[in-house]
Structure formats: C-alpha cells, structure tokens
Amino acid sequence: MSEFVPSDSYEECQATADWLLSATQIRPTVGIVCGSGLGGLAEILKDPQVIKYSDIPNFPRSTVHGHAGRLVFGTLKGKPCVCMQGRFHLYEGYAIQKITLPMRVFKLMGVETMILTNAAGGLNQDYKVGDVMIIKDHINLPGFAGVNPLRGPNEERFGTRFPCMSDAYDRELRQLAHDVASELGFSDFVREGVYCVLGGPSFETIAECRMMHSLGADAVGMSTVHEVIVARHAGMRCFALSLISNKSVMDYDSEEKANHEEVLETGRLRAAQLEKMVSNMVARLEQNNNSY
C-alpha cells in the first residue's frame, strides 16, 4: 500500500502564502469566506485588490455558479481582510485536504479570525426563508465515515493531532453577532442553531432531512464544517452563519423542490443586511487579539 501523501503539505501552503504576500501589500488579520450568492461581501472592501484563484499556485478552482473564484484583499472598517469570493466543495471532486487548503494559507499569512458564510436549507420548522442562523455547533456527517480534512499524518506546525471541537464556533464572536444584529434591528430574523454538513451535490431526501432534524440539526448544507475544522486545528477563531435559502422538504405530500436558483435569489435579497452585519462585526474586532 502506498504511503499517504497529503495534498496540502506545510511547504505547499507556505509557498502559496509567500506568493500571495509578495503579490499584495495587505497583511490580513481577518479572513472571510463568501457562500453561494453571498459574494457581495467582498465588494464592500476598501481599495480592493483582486487575484483569480487560477493565478494562485497550488490553489483549487471554483466550479460552482454563484462562486466567482477570486481572492479579494482590502480593508473593512480599517481592518486588513482577505475575502474568498467562492469556496470549494467535496462534490467538485477535490480531495478534502485541497478544499480546506485556503484556511492554512490564511493562517500562514497572519489571519487570526475566520468569518464563514453559507446558504443552507432550514430543517428547523420555525425557520423562514431569509433567516440568518448563527452557527453554534455542527454535525459532520461525512466525518462519521472517516471523511475529515485532518485525516492522515498530522502536521504539528499547524496544530495538535486531536484538536478540540466543542468550542469550534467562538462564543464571544457569537455574542458579538447577536449584539450587532440587535443594534441594527435584525434580531427578528437572526437565529442560532446547529449546522449539519453533507457531501452533496444532490439535495437531501425527505428521509435524510427527517433524520438530521431528529439528530438536532437546524440547517443543512454542503460546506463550512471542513474549513472550520482546519481553521480551528491551526488556532484561528471561527464565526459562521447560514442564510436559510430554502426550507428542507420534510413532508411526502409536499410539492416543494430544492433548487440552486432559489439559493442564489435568497442571497441577493438578504445580501445588503448580511454585509452590514459582518462589516459591523469586523469593526468591533480588536487588531491585536481579535477580542471585542
């Protein structure tokens, strides 16, 4: 049997980080990942510098409609940021280590806090389309079958062999999000709950939705969790939110069908408020320790 060779070695990540640092004067302390239809977050960066994924050494390429496939460097409320306009997913065919490579590159560039967004299906029957769910915890269903981005030899220069995940989603940042939402008058559509990740790209069956709901999941999607695992392994603080873009079908008599166009349209409708919420959060992060 051949030896396991990770596709995101420390040297590979360092080479990519060095290339990016030489290509921009920005030294980001905050990383932002834009989910489906939420790429507008990158548009609010001041003095933006755009680099296509296809130009970055070792970087995968985004293949999904609604994901622009660009890194945008700039400042947000005075904080140096790097923003991913489009992310990578298991269903695109990449190794799980490859889709999470940007997290390690960001760490080596000096990023301390990751803010991740996604579009998700609502399992919680109290959720409405257009609600924003602050993620307080996750269920990594592919992980039950060994699909984990930390599988294989551990790279001690990034983090420990067995990283804790009970504090994956930073409590202070979640409280900050609630405070900001309250100040902006957004509390009526901001929730907090558990996100369950699946491999995709097929949407969930009714039986799968019922199972995940019974396990305690409030929303379901195809991203974010693997990035958070790698970011936490590397010691970065994580905050994540889901835009509830459709209600998951839980009833066999329902005529509803999940579709990607609905996901993108919901993103467009809620985008401005999400941008305001994230930018106000970033404004409250301290430069040195990212506490507020």
C-alpha atoms as a PDB file:
ATOM      1  CA  MET A   1       0.000   0.000   0.000  1.00  0.00           C
ATOM      2  CA  SER A   2       1.389   3.414  -0.957  1.00  0.00           C
ATOM      3  CA  GLU A   3       2.283   5.956   1.700  1.00  0.00           C
ATOM      4  CA  PHE A   4      -0.333   8.638   2.381  1.00  0.00           C
ATOM      5  CA  VAL A   5       0.799  11.951   0.906  1.00  0.00           C
ATOM      6  CA  PRO A   6      -1.338  14.939   1.967  1.00  0.00           C
ATOM      7  CA  SER A   7      -2.242  17.368  -0.802  1.00  0.00           C
ATOM      8  CA  ASP A   8      -1.802  20.356   1.499  1.00  0.00           C
ATOM      9  CA  SER A   9       1.682  19.939   2.926  1.00  0.00           C
ATOM     10  CA  TYR A  10       3.110  22.701   5.094  1.00  0.00           C
ATOM     11  CA  GLU A  11       5.634  23.530   2.381  1.00  0.00           C
ATOM     12  CA  GLU A  12       2.917  23.786  -0.269  1.00  0.00           C
ATOM     13  CA  CYS A  13       0.809  26.084   1.934  1.00  0.00           C
ATOM     14  CA  GLN A  14       3.855  28.195   2.814  1.00  0.00           C
ATOM     15  CA  ALA A  15       4.773  28.591  -0.856  1.00  0.00           C
ATOM     16  CA  THR A  16       1.244  29.772  -1.655  1.00  0.00           C
ATOM     17  CA  ALA A  17       1.199  32.154   1.322  1.00  0.00           C
ATOM     18  CA  ASP A  18       4.585  33.599   0.308  1.00  0.00           C
ATOM     19  CA  TRP A  19       3.388  34.088  -3.272  1.00  0.00           C
ATOM     20  CA  LEU A  20       0.287  35.960  -2.072  1.00  0.00           C
ATOM     21  CA  LEU A  21       2.256  38.088   0.399  1.00  0.00           C
ATOM     22  CA  SER A  22       4.535  39.141  -2.423  1.00  0.00           C
ATOM     23  CA  ALA A  23       1.529  39.994  -4.606  1.00  0.00           C
ATOM     24  CA  THR A  24      -0.209  42.342  -2.139  1.00  0.00           C
ATOM     25  CA  GLN A  25       0.705  44.923   0.480  1.00  0.00           C
ATOM     26  CA  ILE A  26      -2.283  43.872   2.626  1.00  0.00           C
ATOM     27  CA  ARG A  27      -1.438  41.784   5.703  1.00  0.00           C
ATOM     28  CA  PRO A  28      -4.835  40.351   6.582  1.00  0.00           C
ATOM     29  CA  THR A  29      -5.869  39.531  10.154  1.00  0.00           C
ATOM     30  CA  VAL A  30      -9.460  38.650   9.186  1.00  0.00           C
ATOM     31  CA  GLY A  31     -10.479  36.058   6.597  1.00  0.00           C
ATOM     32  CA  ILE A  32     -13.992  35.962   5.129  1.00  0.00           C
ATOM     33  CA  VAL A  33     -15.478  33.115   3.082  1.00  0.00           C
ATOM     34  CA  CYS A  34     -18.469  34.008   0.899  1.00  0.00           C
ATOM     35  CA  GLY A  35     -21.074  31.295   0.369  1.00  0.00           C
ATOM     36  CA  SER A  36     -23.466  30.790  -2.552  1.00  0.00           C
ATOM     37  CA  GLY A  37     -24.891  34.113  -3.686  1.00  0.00           C
ATOM     38  CA  LEU A  38     -23.054  35.993  -0.921  1.00  0.00           C
ATOM     39  CA  GLY A  39     -20.015  37.162  -2.891  1.00  0.00           C
ATOM     40  CA  GLY A  40     -21.113  40.772  -2.413  1.00  0.00           C
ATOM     41  CA  LEU A  41     -19.366  40.735   0.953  1.00  0.00           C
ATOM     42  CA  ALA A  42     -16.100  41.095  -0.947  1.00  0.00           C
ATOM     43  CA  GLU A  43     -17.427  44.133  -2.805  1.00  0.00           C
ATOM     44  CA  ILE A  44     -17.520  46.233   0.374  1.00  0.00           C
ATOM     45  CA  LEU A  45     -13.750  46.009   0.931  1.00  0.00           C
ATOM     46  CA  LYS A  46     -11.952  49.338   0.530  1.00  0.00           C
ATOM     47  CA  ASP A  47      -9.128  49.623  -2.024  1.00  0.00           C
ATOM     48  CA  PRO A  48      -9.701  46.056  -3.210  1.00  0.00           C
ATOM     49  CA  GLN A  49      -7.004  44.006  -4.862  1.00  0.00           C
ATOM     50  CA  VAL A  50      -8.351  41.000  -6.762  1.00  0.00           C
ATOM     51  CA  ILE A  51      -6.429  37.811  -7.533  1.00  0.00           C
ATOM     52  CA  LYS A  52      -8.049  34.983  -9.500  1.00  0.00           C
ATOM     53  CA  TYR A  53      -7.805  31.509  -7.991  1.00  0.00           C
ATOM     54  CA  SER A  54      -6.496  30.291 -11.334  1.00  0.00           C
ATOM     55  CA  ASP A  55      -3.444  32.553 -10.918  1.00  0.00           C
ATOM     56  CA  ILE A  56      -2.549  31.348  -7.406  1.00  0.00           C
ATOM     57  CA  PRO A  57      -0.019  28.496  -7.112  1.00  0.00           C
ATOM     58  CA  ASN A  58      -1.490  25.258  -5.639  1.00  0.00           C
ATOM     59  CA  PHE A  59      -4.980  26.789  -5.322  1.00  0.00           C
ATOM     60  CA  PRO A  60      -8.035  24.820  -6.483  1.00  0.00           C
ATOM     61  CA  ARG A  61     -10.536  26.472  -8.805  1.00  0.00           C
ATOM     62  CA  SER A  62     -14.173  27.168  -8.002  1.00  0.00           C
ATOM     63  CA  THR A  63     -16.540  25.434 -10.422  1.00  0.00           C
ATOM     64  CA  VAL A  64     -19.945  26.374  -8.980  1.00  0.00           C
ATOM     65  CA  HIS A  65     -22.329  29.022 -10.347  1.00  0.00           C
ATOM     66  CA  GLY A  66     -22.592  31.789  -7.735  1.00  0.00           C
ATOM     67  CA  HIS A  67     -18.937  31.400  -6.728  1.00  0.00           C
ATOM     68  CA  ALA A  68     -16.738  33.932  -8.546  1.00  0.00           C
ATOM     69  CA  GLY A  69     -13.426  32.202  -7.844  1.00  0.00           C
ATOM     70  CA  ARG A  70     -11.380  35.190  -6.662  1.00  0.00           C
ATOM     71  CA  LEU A  71      -9.437  36.294  -3.600  1.00  0.00           C
ATOM     72  CA  VAL A  72     -10.086  39.915  -2.699  1.00  0.00           C
ATOM     73  CA  PHE A  73      -7.685  41.769  -0.402  1.00  0.00           C
ATOM     74  CA  GLY A  74      -8.617  45.093   1.151  1.00  0.00           C
ATOM     75  CA  THR A  75      -9.717  46.815   4.335  1.00  0.00           C
ATOM     76  CA  LEU A  76     -13.088  46.617   6.054  1.00  0.00           C
ATOM     77  CA  LYS A  77     -13.755  49.248   8.730  1.00  0.00           C
ATOM     78  CA  GLY A  78      -9.998  49.757   8.879  1.00  0.00           C
ATOM     79  CA  LYS A  79      -9.178  46.074   9.384  1.00  0.00           C
ATOM     80  CA  PRO A  80      -6.999  44.311   6.770  1.00  0.00           C
ATOM     81  CA  CYS A  81      -9.024  41.442   5.293  1.00  0.00           C
ATOM     82  CA  VAL A  82      -8.835  38.704   2.713  1.00  0.00           C
ATOM     83  CA  CYS A  83     -12.105  37.524   1.231  1.00  0.00           C
ATOM     84  CA  MET A  84     -12.828  34.340  -0.712  1.00  0.00           C
ATOM     85  CA  GLN A  85     -15.421  35.021  -3.396  1.00  0.00           C
ATOM     86  CA  GLY A  86     -16.375  31.417  -3.808  1.00  0.00           C
ATOM     87  CA  ARG A  87     -15.199  28.327  -1.975  1.00  0.00           C
ATOM     88  CA  PHE A  88     -14.512  24.682  -2.773  1.00  0.00           C
ATOM     89  CA  HIS A  89     -16.719  21.687  -2.010  1.00  0.00           C
ATOM     90  CA  LEU A  90     -16.324  17.937  -1.715  1.00  0.00           C
ATOM     91  CA  TYR A  91     -18.764  17.420  -4.588  1.00  0.00           C
ATOM     92  CA  GLU A  92     -16.461  19.253  -7.006  1.00  0.00           C
ATOM     93  CA  GLY A  93     -14.154  16.244  -6.811  1.00  0.00           C
ATOM     94  CA  TYR A  94     -11.266  17.745  -4.865  1.00  0.00           C
ATOM     95  CA  ALA A  95      -9.576  15.892  -2.024  1.00  0.00           C
ATOM     96  CA  ILE A  96     -10.877  17.158   1.301  1.00  0.00           C
ATOM     97  CA  GLN A  97      -7.381  18.411   2.163  1.00  0.00           C
ATOM     98  CA  LYS A  98      -7.393  20.506  -1.013  1.00  0.00           C
ATOM     99  CA  ILE A  99     -10.723  22.232  -0.389  1.00  0.00           C
ATOM    100  CA  THR A 100      -9.503  23.370   3.036  1.00  0.00           C
ATOM    101  CA  LEU A 101      -6.049  24.499   1.861  1.00  0.00           C
ATOM    102  CA  PRO A 102      -7.018  28.214   1.878  1.00  0.00           C
ATOM    103  CA  MET A 103      -7.528  28.087   5.673  1.00  0.00           C
ATOM    104  CA  ARG A 104      -3.919  27.027   6.212  1.00  0.00           C
ATOM    105  CA  VAL A 105      -2.645  29.552   3.686  1.00  0.00           C
ATOM    106  CA  PHE A 106      -4.551  32.298   5.530  1.00  0.00           C
ATOM    107  CA  LYS A 107      -3.071  31.176   8.841  1.00  0.00           C
ATOM    108  CA  LEU A 108       0.436  31.451   7.395  1.00  0.00           C
ATOM    109  CA  MET A 109      -0.430  34.939   6.100  1.00  0.00           C
ATOM    110  CA  GLY A 110      -1.334  36.118   9.613  1.00  0.00           C
ATOM    111  CA  VAL A 111      -5.115  35.681   9.710  1.00  0.00           C
ATOM    112  CA  GLU A 112      -6.412  35.266  13.266  1.00  0.00           C
ATOM    113  CA  THR A 113     -10.193  35.253  12.804  1.00  0.00           C
ATOM    114  CA  MET A 114     -12.249  33.445  10.141  1.00  0.00           C
ATOM    115  CA  ILE A 115     -15.779  34.543   9.273  1.00  0.00           C
ATOM    116  CA  LEU A 116     -17.550  31.980   7.097  1.00  0.00           C
ATOM    117  CA  THR A 117     -20.924  32.237   5.401  1.00  0.00           C
ATOM    118  CA  ASN A 118     -23.068  29.747   3.533  1.00  0.00           C
ATOM    119  CA  ALA A 119     -26.517  29.224   2.105  1.00  0.00           C
ATOM    120  CA  ALA A 120     -28.350  26.372   3.816  1.00  0.00           C
ATOM    121  CA  GLY A 121     -31.628  24.516   3.910  1.00  0.00           C
ATOM    122  CA  GLY A 122     -33.762  25.076   7.002  1.00  0.00           C
ATOM    123  CA  LEU A 123     -34.567  21.899   8.945  1.00  0.00           C
ATOM    124  CA  ASN A 124     -35.935  23.730  11.977  1.00  0.00           C
ATOM    125  CA  GLN A 125     -39.610  24.238  11.198  1.00  0.00           C
ATOM    126  CA  ASP A 126     -39.598  27.615  12.937  1.00  0.00           C
ATOM    127  CA  TYR A 127     -37.066  28.974  10.438  1.00  0.00           C
ATOM    128  CA  LYS A 128     -38.217  31.015   7.470  1.00  0.00           C
ATOM    129  CA  VAL A 129     -36.510  31.559   4.113  1.00  0.00           C
ATOM    130  CA  GLY A 130     -34.290  34.606   4.539  1.00  0.00           C
ATOM    131  CA  ASP A 131     -33.484  33.943   8.195  1.00  0.00           C
ATOM    132  CA  VAL A 132     -29.834  34.140   9.218  1.00  0.00           C
ATOM    133  CA  MET A 133     -28.605  31.364  11.507  1.00  0.00           C
ATOM    134  CA  ILE A 134     -25.528  31.939  13.632  1.00  0.00           C
ATOM    135  CA  ILE A 135     -23.854  28.524  13.800  1.00  0.00           C
ATOM    136  CA  LYS A 136     -23.232  27.426  17.388  1.00  0.00           C
ATOM    137  CA  ASP A 137     -22.199  23.847  16.589  1.00  0.00           C
ATOM    138  CA  HIS A 138     -22.011  21.372  13.731  1.00  0.00           C
ATOM    139  CA  ILE A 139     -22.611  17.749  12.807  1.00  0.00           C
ATOM    140  CA  ASN A 140     -20.020  16.418  10.371  1.00  0.00           C
ATOM    141  CA  LEU A 141     -21.931  13.520   8.820  1.00  0.00           C
ATOM    142  CA  PRO A 142     -19.177  12.634   6.301  1.00  0.00           C
ATOM    143  CA  GLY A 143     -16.844  12.541   9.298  1.00  0.00           C
ATOM    144  CA  PHE A 144     -18.785   9.567  10.662  1.00  0.00           C
ATOM    145  CA  ALA A 145     -17.378   7.650   7.680  1.00  0.00           C
ATOM    146  CA  GLY A 146     -13.849   8.989   8.126  1.00  0.00           C
ATOM    147  CA  VAL A 147     -14.135  11.944   5.744  1.00  0.00           C
ATOM    148  CA  ASN A 148     -12.193  14.504   7.760  1.00  0.00           C
ATOM    149  CA  PRO A 149      -9.685  17.083   6.472  1.00  0.00           C
ATOM    150  CA  LEU A 150      -7.240  16.155   9.255  1.00  0.00           C
ATOM    151  CA  ARG A 151      -7.086  12.509   8.188  1.00  0.00           C
ATOM    152  CA  GLY A 152      -3.575  11.269   7.542  1.00  0.00           C
ATOM    153  CA  PRO A 153      -0.283  12.256   9.190  1.00  0.00           C
ATOM    154  CA  ASN A 154      -0.666  15.267  11.477  1.00  0.00           C
ATOM    155  CA  GLU A 155       1.317  18.408  10.688  1.00  0.00           C
ATOM    156  CA  GLU A 156       2.401  19.614  14.139  1.00  0.00           C
ATOM    157  CA  ARG A 157       3.396  23.008  12.748  1.00  0.00           C
ATOM    158  CA  PHE A 158      -0.304  23.676  12.198  1.00  0.00           C
ATOM    159  CA  GLY A 159      -1.795  22.046  15.272  1.00  0.00           C
ATOM    160  CA  THR A 160      -2.274  19.091  17.597  1.00  0.00           C
ATOM    161  CA  ARG A 161      -3.209  15.565  16.485  1.00  0.00           C
ATOM    162  CA  PHE A 162      -6.571  15.601  18.319  1.00  0.00           C
ATOM    163  CA  PRO A 163      -7.988  19.145  18.258  1.00  0.00           C
ATOM    164  CA  CYS A 164     -10.972  20.037  20.440  1.00  0.00           C
ATOM    165  CA  MET A 165     -14.158  20.886  18.548  1.00  0.00           C
ATOM    166  CA  SER A 166     -16.539  21.608  21.449  1.00  0.00           C
ATOM    167  CA  ASP A 167     -15.514  25.277  21.130  1.00  0.00           C
ATOM    168  CA  ALA A 168     -15.306  25.363  17.324  1.00  0.00           C
ATOM    169  CA  TYR A 169     -17.603  28.389  16.998  1.00  0.00           C
ATOM    170  CA  ASP A 170     -16.302  31.186  19.180  1.00  0.00           C
ATOM    171  CA  ARG A 171     -18.737  32.135  21.954  1.00  0.00           C
ATOM    172  CA  GLU A 172     -17.608  35.778  22.147  1.00  0.00           C
ATOM    173  CA  LEU A 173     -17.993  36.244  18.397  1.00  0.00           C
ATOM    174  CA  ARG A 174     -21.458  34.683  18.513  1.00  0.00           C
ATOM    175  CA  GLN A 175     -22.449  37.113  21.266  1.00  0.00           C
ATOM    176  CA  LEU A 176     -20.979  39.978  19.258  1.00  0.00           C
ATOM    177  CA  ALA A 177     -23.127  38.916  16.286  1.00  0.00           C
ATOM    178  CA  HIS A 178     -26.272  38.987  18.449  1.00  0.00           C
ATOM    179  CA  ASP A 179     -25.314  42.421  19.812  1.00  0.00           C
ATOM    180  CA  VAL A 180     -24.717  43.797  16.312  1.00  0.00           C
ATOM    181  CA  ALA A 181     -27.956  42.254  14.994  1.00  0.00           C
ATOM    182  CA  SER A 182     -29.885  43.859  17.858  1.00  0.00           C
ATOM    183  CA  GLU A 183     -28.325  47.274  17.224  1.00  0.00           C
ATOM    184  CA  LEU A 184     -29.137  47.055  13.508  1.00  0.00           C
ATOM    185  CA  GLY A 185     -32.717  45.927  14.139  1.00  0.00           C
ATOM    186  CA  PHE A 186     -32.092  42.488  12.625  1.00  0.00           C
ATOM    187  CA  SER A 187     -32.959  40.344  15.650  1.00  0.00           C
ATOM    188  CA  ASP A 188     -36.314  39.281  14.226  1.00  0.00           C
ATOM    189  CA  PHE A 189     -34.610  37.205  11.502  1.00  0.00           C
ATOM    190  CA  VAL A 190     -31.369  36.181  13.258  1.00  0.00           C
ATOM    191  CA  ARG A 191     -31.365  32.714  14.833  1.00  0.00           C
ATOM    192  CA  GLU A 192     -28.743  30.455  16.385  1.00  0.00           C
ATOM    193  CA  GLY A 193     -28.515  26.741  15.740  1.00  0.00           C
ATOM    194  CA  VAL A 194     -26.708  23.593  14.645  1.00  0.00           C
ATOM    195  CA  TYR A 195     -25.459  23.121  11.067  1.00  0.00           C
ATOM    196  CA  CYS A 196     -25.167  19.680   9.500  1.00  0.00           C
ATOM    197  CA  VAL A 197     -22.862  19.129   6.531  1.00  0.00           C
ATOM    198  CA  LEU A 198     -23.391  16.585   3.754  1.00  0.00           C
ATOM    199  CA  GLY A 199     -21.242  15.791   0.745  1.00  0.00           C
ATOM    200  CA  GLY A 200     -23.678  16.869  -2.000  1.00  0.00           C
ATOM    201  CA  PRO A 201     -24.201  17.796  -4.776  1.00  0.00           C
ATOM    202  CA  SER A 202     -27.656  16.174  -4.714  1.00  0.00           C
ATOM    203  CA  PHE A 203     -30.036  17.863  -2.318  1.00  0.00           C
ATOM    204  CA  GLU A 204     -31.264  15.859   0.648  1.00  0.00           C
ATOM    205  CA  THR A 205     -34.046  13.308   0.517  1.00  0.00           C
ATOM    206  CA  ILE A 206     -37.068  13.671   2.766  1.00  0.00           C
ATOM    207  CA  ALA A 207     -35.875  10.754   4.905  1.00  0.00           C
ATOM    208  CA  GLU A 208     -32.418  12.336   5.247  1.00  0.00           C
ATOM    209  CA  CYS A 209     -33.946  15.659   6.306  1.00  0.00           C
ATOM    210  CA  ARG A 210     -36.076  13.931   8.908  1.00  0.00           C
ATOM    211  CA  MET A 211     -33.062  12.034  10.220  1.00  0.00           C
ATOM    212  CA  MET A 212     -30.890  15.153  10.520  1.00  0.00           C
ATOM    213  CA  HIS A 213     -33.697  17.055  12.216  1.00  0.00           C
ATOM    214  CA  SER A 214     -34.130  14.241  14.715  1.00  0.00           C
ATOM    215  CA  LEU A 215     -30.361  14.356  15.398  1.00  0.00           C
ATOM    216  CA  GLY A 216     -30.678  18.010  16.421  1.00  0.00           C
ATOM    217  CA  ALA A 217     -29.676  19.836  13.244  1.00  0.00           C
ATOM    218  CA  ASP A 218     -31.401  23.142  12.460  1.00  0.00           C
ATOM    219  CA  ALA A 219     -29.916  23.666   8.987  1.00  0.00           C
ATOM    220  CA  VAL A 220     -28.149  21.578   6.358  1.00  0.00           C
ATOM    221  CA  GLY A 221     -25.581  22.433   3.712  1.00  0.00           C
ATOM    222  CA  MET A 222     -22.535  21.247   1.765  1.00  0.00           C
ATOM    223  CA  SER A 223     -19.689  23.403   3.108  1.00  0.00           C
ATOM    224  CA  THR A 224     -18.145  25.318   6.027  1.00  0.00           C
ATOM    225  CA  VAL A 225     -17.601  22.486   8.532  1.00  0.00           C
ATOM    226  CA  HIS A 226     -14.404  21.145   6.953  1.00  0.00           C
ATOM    227  CA  GLU A 227     -12.972  24.662   6.719  1.00  0.00           C
ATOM    228  CA  VAL A 228     -13.802  25.290  10.380  1.00  0.00           C
ATOM    229  CA  ILE A 229     -12.120  22.040  11.466  1.00  0.00           C
ATOM    230  CA  VAL A 230      -8.889  23.033   9.687  1.00  0.00           C
ATOM    231  CA  ALA A 231      -9.046  26.645  10.885  1.00  0.00           C
ATOM    232  CA  ARG A 232      -9.534  25.543  14.494  1.00  0.00           C
ATOM    233  CA  HIS A 233      -6.738  22.990  14.151  1.00  0.00           C
ATOM    234  CA  ALA A 234      -4.493  25.910  13.165  1.00  0.00           C
ATOM    235  CA  GLY A 235      -5.628  28.007  16.135  1.00  0.00           C
ATOM    236  CA  MET A 236      -7.831  30.553  14.360  1.00  0.00           C
ATOM    237  CA  ARG A 237     -11.063  31.808  15.902  1.00  0.00           C
ATOM    238  CA  CYS A 238     -14.146  30.948  13.854  1.00  0.00           C
ATOM    239  CA  PHE A 239     -17.534  32.543  13.377  1.00  0.00           C
ATOM    240  CA  ALA A 240     -20.004  31.196  10.836  1.00  0.00           C
ATOM    241  CA  LEU A 241     -23.512  31.960   9.711  1.00  0.00           C
ATOM    242  CA  SER A 242     -26.018  30.359   7.374  1.00  0.00           C
ATOM    243  CA  LEU A 243     -28.500  32.189   5.203  1.00  0.00           C
ATOM    244  CA  ILE A 244     -31.599  30.000   5.181  1.00  0.00           C
ATOM    245  CA  SER A 245     -32.245  29.961   1.450  1.00  0.00           C
ATOM    246  CA  ASN A 246     -34.892  27.246   1.314  1.00  0.00           C
ATOM    247  CA  LYS A 247     -36.947  25.144   3.690  1.00  0.00           C
ATOM    248  CA  SER A 248     -35.948  21.496   3.568  1.00  0.00           C
ATOM    249  CA  VAL A 249     -38.785  19.248   2.422  1.00  0.00           C
ATOM    250  CA  MET A 250     -39.953  17.104   5.351  1.00  0.00           C
ATOM    251  CA  ASP A 251     -43.387  16.018   4.091  1.00  0.00           C
ATOM    252  CA  TYR A 252     -44.005  13.340   1.461  1.00  0.00           C
ATOM    253  CA  ASP A 253     -47.154  15.150   0.324  1.00  0.00           C
ATOM    254  CA  SER A 254     -45.246  18.367  -0.386  1.00  0.00           C
ATOM    255  CA  GLU A 255     -44.806  19.606  -3.959  1.00  0.00           C
ATOM    256  CA  GLU A 256     -41.765  21.730  -2.967  1.00  0.00           C
ATOM    257  CA  LYS A 257     -38.363  21.032  -4.535  1.00  0.00           C
ATOM    258  CA  ALA A 258     -34.983  22.435  -3.515  1.00  0.00           C
ATOM    259  CA  ASN A 259     -33.058  24.206  -6.279  1.00  0.00           C
ATOM    260  CA  HIS A 260     -29.855  26.235  -6.594  1.00  0.00           C
ATOM    261  CA  GLU A 261     -31.566  29.230  -8.236  1.00  0.00           C
ATOM    262  CA  GLU A 262     -33.677  29.732  -5.090  1.00  0.00           C
ATOM    263  CA  VAL A 263     -30.456  29.704  -3.056  1.00  0.00           C
ATOM    264  CA  LEU A 264     -28.900  32.473  -5.172  1.00  0.00           C
ATOM    265  CA  GLU A 265     -32.053  34.590  -5.212  1.00  0.00           C
ATOM    266  CA  THR A 266     -32.375  34.492  -1.414  1.00  0.00           C
ATOM    267  CA  GLY A 267     -28.730  35.559  -1.195  1.00  0.00           C
ATOM    268  CA  ARG A 268     -29.446  38.566  -3.397  1.00  0.00           C
ATOM    269  CA  LEU A 269     -32.441  39.629  -1.315  1.00  0.00           C
ATOM    270  CA  ARG A 270     -30.664  39.446   2.049  1.00  0.00           C
ATOM    271  CA  ALA A 271     -27.167  40.418   0.868  1.00  0.00           C
ATOM    272  CA  ALA A 272     -27.140  44.072   1.951  1.00  0.00           C
ATOM    273  CA  GLN A 273     -28.195  43.251   5.509  1.00  0.00           C
ATOM    274  CA  LEU A 274     -25.654  40.444   5.772  1.00  0.00           C
ATOM    275  CA  GLU A 275     -22.913  42.766   4.532  1.00  0.00           C
ATOM    276  CA  LYS A 276     -23.883  45.372   7.135  1.00  0.00           C
ATOM    277  CA  MET A 277     -23.905  42.772   9.908  1.00  0.00           C
ATOM    278  CA  VAL A 278     -20.493  41.317   9.012  1.00  0.00           C
ATOM    279  CA  SER A 279     -18.857  44.717   8.482  1.00  0.00           C
ATOM    280  CA  ASN A 280     -20.122  45.938  11.858  1.00  0.00           C
ATOM    281  CA  MET A 281     -18.743  42.804  13.498  1.00  0.00           C
ATOM    282  CA  VAL A 282     -15.349  43.310  11.869  1.00  0.00           C
ATOM    283  CA  ALA A 283     -15.324  46.923  13.042  1.00  0.00           C
ATOM    284  CA  ARG A 284     -15.584  45.699  16.643  1.00  0.00           C
ATOM    285  CA  LEU A 285     -12.685  43.248  16.422  1.00  0.00           C
ATOM    286  CA  GLU A 286      -9.536  44.405  18.159  1.00  0.00           C
ATOM    287  CA  GLN A 287      -6.464  44.411  15.925  1.00  0.00           C
ATOM    288  CA  ASN A 288      -4.164  42.689  18.411  1.00  0.00           C
ATOM    289  CA  ASN A 289      -6.172  39.880  19.946  1.00  0.00           C
ATOM    290  CA  ASN A 290      -9.408  39.970  17.929  1.00  0.00           C
ATOM    291  CA  SER A 291     -11.416  40.221  21.113  1.00  0.00           C
ATOM    292  CA  TYR A 292     -14.149  42.787  21.429  1.00  0.00           C
END
